[in-house]
Amino acid sequence: MAVGQNQRNRKNDPMVSKTGKAKLGPLNVTQLTKLLDSSTKPKEKAKIQRALNKRPPAAVIAEPATAAA
């Protein structure tokens, strides 16, 4: 009867699924790249890389060039 005993004591975390794996949907590009650098498992790296590929590239704000007069 030990099955399901953790559900009584487990706090709900919106960033973790029921099985304890991290949810990648709400993370932004910088958070995903940091997670990709810190992960060691190839399966997790592939999952994070797929999540990064789904997102549009981060918008790079170009500074306006000042014309030297």
N, C-alpha and C. Protein backbone atom coordinates (compact mmCIF):
# COMPACT_ATOMS: atom_id res chain seq x y z
N MET A 1 0.81 -1.18 0.00
CA MET A 1 0.00 0.00 0.00
C MET A 1 0.86 1.26 0.00
N ALA A 2 2.09 1.12 -0.37
CA ALA A 2 3.00 2.26 -0.41
C ALA A 2 2.81 3.09 -1.68
N VAL A 3 2.05 2.59 -2.62
CA VAL A 3 1.86 3.32 -3.87
C VAL A 3 0.97 4.53 -3.62
N GLY A 4 1.40 5.69 -4.10
CA GLY A 4 0.59 6.89 -3.98
C GLY A 4 0.71 7.61 -2.66
N GLN A 5 1.59 7.18 -1.79
CA GLN A 5 1.73 7.82 -0.49
C GLN A 5 2.34 9.21 -0.62
N ASN A 6 3.11 9.44 -1.67
CA ASN A 6 3.78 10.71 -1.83
C ASN A 6 2.81 11.83 -2.20
N GLN A 7 1.66 11.50 -2.72
CA GLN A 7 0.73 12.53 -3.16
C GLN A 7 0.19 13.35 -2.00
N ARG A 8 0.12 12.76 -0.83
CA ARG A 8 -0.37 13.50 0.33
C ARG A 8 0.65 14.54 0.80
N ASN A 9 1.91 14.22 0.66
CA ASN A 9 2.95 15.09 1.18
C ASN A 9 3.57 16.01 0.12
N ARG A 10 3.28 15.76 -1.14
CA ARG A 10 3.92 16.50 -2.22
C ARG A 10 3.23 17.84 -2.43
N LYS A 11 4.03 18.90 -2.52
CA LYS A 11 3.50 20.23 -2.82
C LYS A 11 3.36 20.36 -4.34
N ASN A 12 2.34 21.03 -4.78
CA ASN A 12 2.16 21.26 -6.21
C ASN A 12 3.13 22.32 -6.68
N ASP A 13 3.88 22.00 -7.71
CA ASP A 13 4.83 22.93 -8.31
C ASP A 13 4.47 23.07 -9.78
N PRO A 14 4.14 24.26 -10.25
CA PRO A 14 3.72 24.40 -11.65
C PRO A 14 4.84 24.15 -12.65
N MET A 15 6.09 24.16 -12.20
CA MET A 15 7.21 23.95 -13.11
C MET A 15 7.64 22.49 -13.20
N VAL A 16 6.98 21.60 -12.45
CA VAL A 16 7.34 20.19 -12.43
C VAL A 16 6.09 19.38 -12.76
N SER A 17 6.26 18.35 -13.60
CA SER A 17 5.13 17.50 -13.95
C SER A 17 4.85 16.52 -12.82
N LYS A 18 3.85 15.70 -13.00
CA LYS A 18 3.46 14.73 -11.97
C LYS A 18 4.56 13.72 -11.72
N THR A 19 5.34 13.40 -12.74
CA THR A 19 6.41 12.42 -12.58
C THR A 19 7.69 13.04 -12.04
N GLY A 20 7.73 14.36 -11.87
CA GLY A 20 8.90 15.01 -11.32
C GLY A 20 9.82 15.62 -12.36
N LYS A 21 9.46 15.51 -13.64
CA LYS A 21 10.30 16.08 -14.69
C LYS A 21 9.95 17.56 -14.88
N ALA A 22 10.95 18.35 -15.26
CA ALA A 22 10.74 19.78 -15.43
C ALA A 22 9.91 20.07 -16.67
N LYS A 23 9.03 21.06 -16.55
CA LYS A 23 8.25 21.53 -17.70
C LYS A 23 9.04 22.62 -18.40
N LEU A 24 9.16 22.52 -19.72
CA LEU A 24 9.97 23.47 -20.47
C LEU A 24 9.14 24.57 -21.11
N GLY A 25 7.83 24.43 -21.14
CA GLY A 25 6.98 25.38 -21.83
C GLY A 25 7.08 26.81 -21.34
N PRO A 26 6.99 27.07 -20.05
CA PRO A 26 6.99 28.46 -19.59
C PRO A 26 8.36 29.12 -19.55
N LEU A 27 9.44 28.39 -19.81
CA LEU A 27 10.78 28.97 -19.73
C LEU A 27 11.08 29.81 -20.96
N ASN A 28 11.87 30.87 -20.76
CA ASN A 28 12.26 31.69 -21.91
C ASN A 28 13.58 31.18 -22.48
N VAL A 29 14.07 31.82 -23.52
CA VAL A 29 15.24 31.34 -24.25
C VAL A 29 16.48 31.35 -23.37
N THR A 30 16.66 32.38 -22.58
CA THR A 30 17.86 32.44 -21.73
C THR A 30 17.84 31.36 -20.66
N GLN A 31 16.67 31.11 -20.10
CA GLN A 31 16.56 30.06 -19.09
C GLN A 31 16.81 28.68 -19.71
N LEU A 32 16.33 28.49 -20.94
CA LEU A 32 16.54 27.20 -21.61
C LEU A 32 18.01 26.99 -21.96
N THR A 33 18.69 28.04 -22.39
CA THR A 33 20.11 27.87 -22.71
C THR A 33 20.92 27.59 -21.46
N LYS A 34 20.56 28.21 -20.35
CA LYS A 34 21.24 27.93 -19.08
C LYS A 34 21.00 26.48 -18.66
N LEU A 35 19.77 26.01 -18.83
CA LEU A 35 19.43 24.63 -18.49
C LEU A 35 20.15 23.65 -19.41
N LEU A 36 20.29 24.02 -20.68
CA LEU A 36 21.00 23.17 -21.64
C LEU A 36 22.47 23.04 -21.26
N ASP A 37 23.08 24.12 -20.80
CA ASP A 37 24.48 24.07 -20.39
C ASP A 37 24.69 23.23 -19.13
N SER A 38 23.70 23.25 -18.24
CA SER A 38 23.88 22.55 -16.97
C SER A 38 23.46 21.09 -17.03
N SER A 39 22.71 20.68 -18.04
CA SER A 39 22.26 19.29 -18.09
C SER A 39 23.36 18.39 -18.61
N THR A 40 23.33 17.13 -18.18
CA THR A 40 24.36 16.18 -18.58
C THR A 40 23.82 15.03 -19.39
N LYS A 41 22.54 14.72 -19.24
CA LYS A 41 21.96 13.57 -19.94
C LYS A 41 21.65 13.94 -21.39
N PRO A 42 22.04 13.09 -22.35
CA PRO A 42 21.77 13.39 -23.76
C PRO A 42 20.28 13.50 -24.08
N LYS A 43 19.46 12.70 -23.40
CA LYS A 43 18.02 12.74 -23.66
C LYS A 43 17.44 14.08 -23.21
N GLU A 44 17.88 14.59 -22.07
CA GLU A 44 17.41 15.88 -21.59
C GLU A 44 17.92 17.00 -22.48
N LYS A 45 19.18 16.90 -22.93
CA LYS A 45 19.73 17.93 -23.81
C LYS A 45 18.95 18.00 -25.12
N ALA A 46 18.58 16.86 -25.66
CA ALA A 46 17.81 16.83 -26.90
C ALA A 46 16.44 17.45 -26.70
N LYS A 47 15.82 17.18 -25.56
CA LYS A 47 14.50 17.73 -25.26
C LYS A 47 14.56 19.26 -25.13
N ILE A 48 15.61 19.75 -24.48
CA ILE A 48 15.77 21.19 -24.30
C ILE A 48 16.07 21.86 -25.64
N GLN A 49 16.89 21.19 -26.46
CA GLN A 49 17.24 21.74 -27.78
C GLN A 49 16.00 21.82 -28.68
N ARG A 50 15.12 20.82 -28.60
CA ARG A 50 13.87 20.87 -29.37
C ARG A 50 13.01 22.03 -28.90
N ALA A 51 12.96 22.26 -27.59
CA ALA A 51 12.17 23.38 -27.06
C ALA A 51 12.76 24.71 -27.51
N LEU A 52 14.08 24.80 -27.60
CA LEU A 52 14.72 26.02 -28.09
C LEU A 52 14.43 26.25 -29.56
N ASN A 53 14.40 25.17 -30.34
CA ASN A 53 14.16 25.30 -31.77
C ASN A 53 12.72 25.73 -32.06
N LYS A 54 11.79 25.42 -31.18
CA LYS A 54 10.39 25.80 -31.38
C LYS A 54 10.18 27.29 -31.18
N ARG A 55 11.03 27.89 -30.35
CA ARG A 55 10.87 29.31 -30.03
C ARG A 55 11.54 30.17 -31.08
N PRO A 56 10.98 31.35 -31.31
CA PRO A 56 11.64 32.27 -32.25
C PRO A 56 12.96 32.75 -31.63
N PRO A 57 13.93 33.09 -32.46
CA PRO A 57 15.20 33.57 -31.91
C PRO A 57 15.01 34.85 -31.11
N ALA A 58 15.85 35.03 -30.12
CA ALA A 58 15.74 36.21 -29.27
C ALA A 58 16.00 37.46 -30.10
N ALA A 59 15.17 38.42 -29.92
CA ALA A 59 15.30 39.66 -30.69
C ALA A 59 16.51 40.44 -30.19
N VAL A 60 17.41 40.72 -31.10
CA VAL A 60 18.61 41.49 -30.74
C VAL A 60 18.32 42.95 -31.05
N ILE A 61 18.41 43.75 -30.03
CA ILE A 61 18.12 45.18 -30.20
C ILE A 61 19.41 45.85 -30.66
N ALA A 62 19.38 46.35 -31.87
CA ALA A 62 20.55 47.03 -32.43
C ALA A 62 20.54 48.48 -31.98
N GLU A 63 21.70 48.93 -31.53
CA GLU A 63 21.81 50.32 -31.12
C GLU A 63 21.86 51.19 -32.37
N PRO A 64 21.17 52.30 -32.36
CA PRO A 64 21.20 53.16 -33.54
C PRO A 64 22.62 53.74 -33.73
N ALA A 65 23.09 53.64 -34.95
CA ALA A 65 24.43 54.15 -35.26
C ALA A 65 24.39 55.68 -35.28
N THR A 66 25.31 56.25 -34.55
CA THR A 66 25.38 57.71 -34.55
C THR A 66 26.35 58.15 -35.63
N ALA A 67 25.92 59.06 -36.45
CA ALA A 67 26.74 59.55 -37.55
C ALA A 67 27.70 60.61 -37.02
N ALA A 68 28.97 60.39 -37.26
CA ALA A 68 29.97 61.38 -36.82
C ALA A 68 29.98 62.53 -37.82
N ALA A 69 29.71 63.74 -37.33
CA ALA A 69 29.64 64.89 -38.24
C ALA A 69 30.92 65.67 -38.25
